Protein backbone atom coordinates (compact mmCIF):
# COMPACT_ATOMS: atom_id res chain seq x y z
CA MET A 1 0.00 0.00 0.00
CA LYS A 2 2.73 2.47 0.97
CA THR A 3 4.67 1.60 -2.22
CA GLU A 4 1.57 2.35 -4.32
CA ILE A 5 1.25 5.78 -2.69
CA LEU A 6 4.92 6.54 -3.37
CA GLU A 7 4.60 5.40 -6.98
CA GLU A 8 1.47 7.53 -7.41
CA LYS A 9 3.29 10.59 -6.07
CA SER A 10 6.25 9.91 -8.31
CA ILE A 11 4.06 9.56 -11.41
CA ARG A 12 2.14 12.72 -10.56
CA ARG A 13 5.33 14.68 -9.82
CA ASN A 14 6.87 13.63 -13.14
CA LEU A 15 3.66 14.41 -15.01
CA TYR A 16 3.62 17.90 -13.49
CA ARG A 17 7.29 18.24 -14.46
CA VAL A 18 6.34 17.42 -18.07
CA LEU A 19 3.59 20.04 -17.98
CA ARG A 20 6.05 22.65 -16.67
CA LYS A 21 8.48 21.78 -19.50
CA THR A 22 5.58 22.29 -21.90
CA GLY A 23 5.24 25.83 -20.58
CA VAL A 24 2.27 25.42 -18.25
CA ASN A 25 2.32 27.76 -15.27
CA ARG A 26 2.56 25.87 -11.98
CA SER A 27 -0.57 27.59 -10.64
CA ASN A 28 -2.62 26.23 -13.57
CA ILE A 29 -1.72 22.59 -12.96
CA CYS A 30 -4.39 20.48 -11.28
CA LEU A 31 -5.91 17.09 -12.02
CA SER A 32 -9.12 18.56 -13.43
CA ALA A 33 -7.33 21.00 -15.78
CA SER A 34 -8.50 20.53 -19.36
CA PHE A 35 -5.72 20.63 -21.93
CA ILE A 36 -7.76 22.71 -24.37
CA GLU A 37 -9.94 24.94 -22.17
CA ASP A 38 -7.71 25.49 -19.12
CA LEU A 39 -4.15 24.96 -20.36
CA HIS A 40 -4.80 26.25 -23.92
CA PHE A 41 -2.80 23.50 -25.63
CA ASP A 42 -2.18 23.92 -29.34
CA LYS A 43 -0.51 21.56 -31.81
CA ILE A 44 3.00 22.59 -30.74
CA ASP A 45 2.16 22.13 -27.04
CA TRP A 46 0.88 18.61 -27.76
CA THR A 47 4.09 17.77 -29.61
CA ILE A 48 6.29 19.02 -26.77
CA PHE A 49 4.07 17.38 -24.15
CA THR A 50 4.19 14.02 -25.95
CA TYR A 51 7.95 14.23 -26.43
CA TYR A 52 8.63 14.82 -22.74
CA LEU A 53 6.04 12.27 -21.58
CA GLU A 54 7.65 9.58 -23.69
CA LYS A 55 11.16 10.58 -22.68
CA ILE A 56 10.60 10.93 -18.92
CA PHE A 57 8.37 7.86 -18.55
CA ASN A 58 10.23 5.77 -21.17
CA ILE A 59 7.02 4.88 -23.03
CA ASN A 60 5.58 5.23 -26.54
CA ILE A 61 2.17 6.84 -26.86
CA LYS A 62 0.08 6.16 -29.95
CA ASP A 63 -1.79 9.08 -31.49
CA GLU A 64 -5.15 7.42 -30.84
CA GLU A 65 -4.29 7.15 -27.13
CA LEU A 66 -3.11 10.75 -26.97
CA SER A 67 -6.39 11.95 -28.47
CA LYS A 68 -8.21 10.50 -25.42
CA PHE A 69 -6.38 12.84 -23.03
CA ASP A 70 -8.97 15.52 -22.21
CA ASP A 71 -7.51 16.58 -18.88
CA VAL A 72 -4.52 16.01 -16.62
CA ASN A 73 -6.31 13.24 -14.72
CA ASP A 74 -6.85 11.27 -17.96
CA THR A 75 -3.11 11.38 -18.55
CA LEU A 76 -2.36 10.30 -14.98
CA HIS A 77 -4.79 7.38 -15.35
CA TYR A 78 -3.17 6.35 -18.64
CA LEU A 79 0.33 6.54 -17.15
CA ARG A 80 -0.65 4.41 -14.16
CA GLY A 81 -2.01 1.71 -16.47
CA GLU A 82 0.87 1.87 -18.91
CA LEU A 83 3.55 1.74 -16.22
CA LEU A 84 1.79 -1.12 -14.43
CA TYR A 85 1.62 -3.03 -17.73
CA LEU A 86 5.31 -2.44 -18.42
CA SER A 87 6.35 -3.54 -14.93
CA ASN A 88 4.74 -6.99 -15.36
């Protein structure tokens, strides 16, 4: 249980780090933040975001998966599942 909490914090911290590298202001980052409405992502932001996500988490994200990311929480949920899959 404690390991799961630490892993969750680590994933969230790294996700927030990716968002900061994308240019998102720290005060705008929250789980419910929508990429389009709240964070104002454009095509370039998505490219940068994807690049850093893949690099920091050592994963490959397919375009059809990326298109399902409506908010930060969707991304966190995806990362949890992907990292759990890769660890098995």
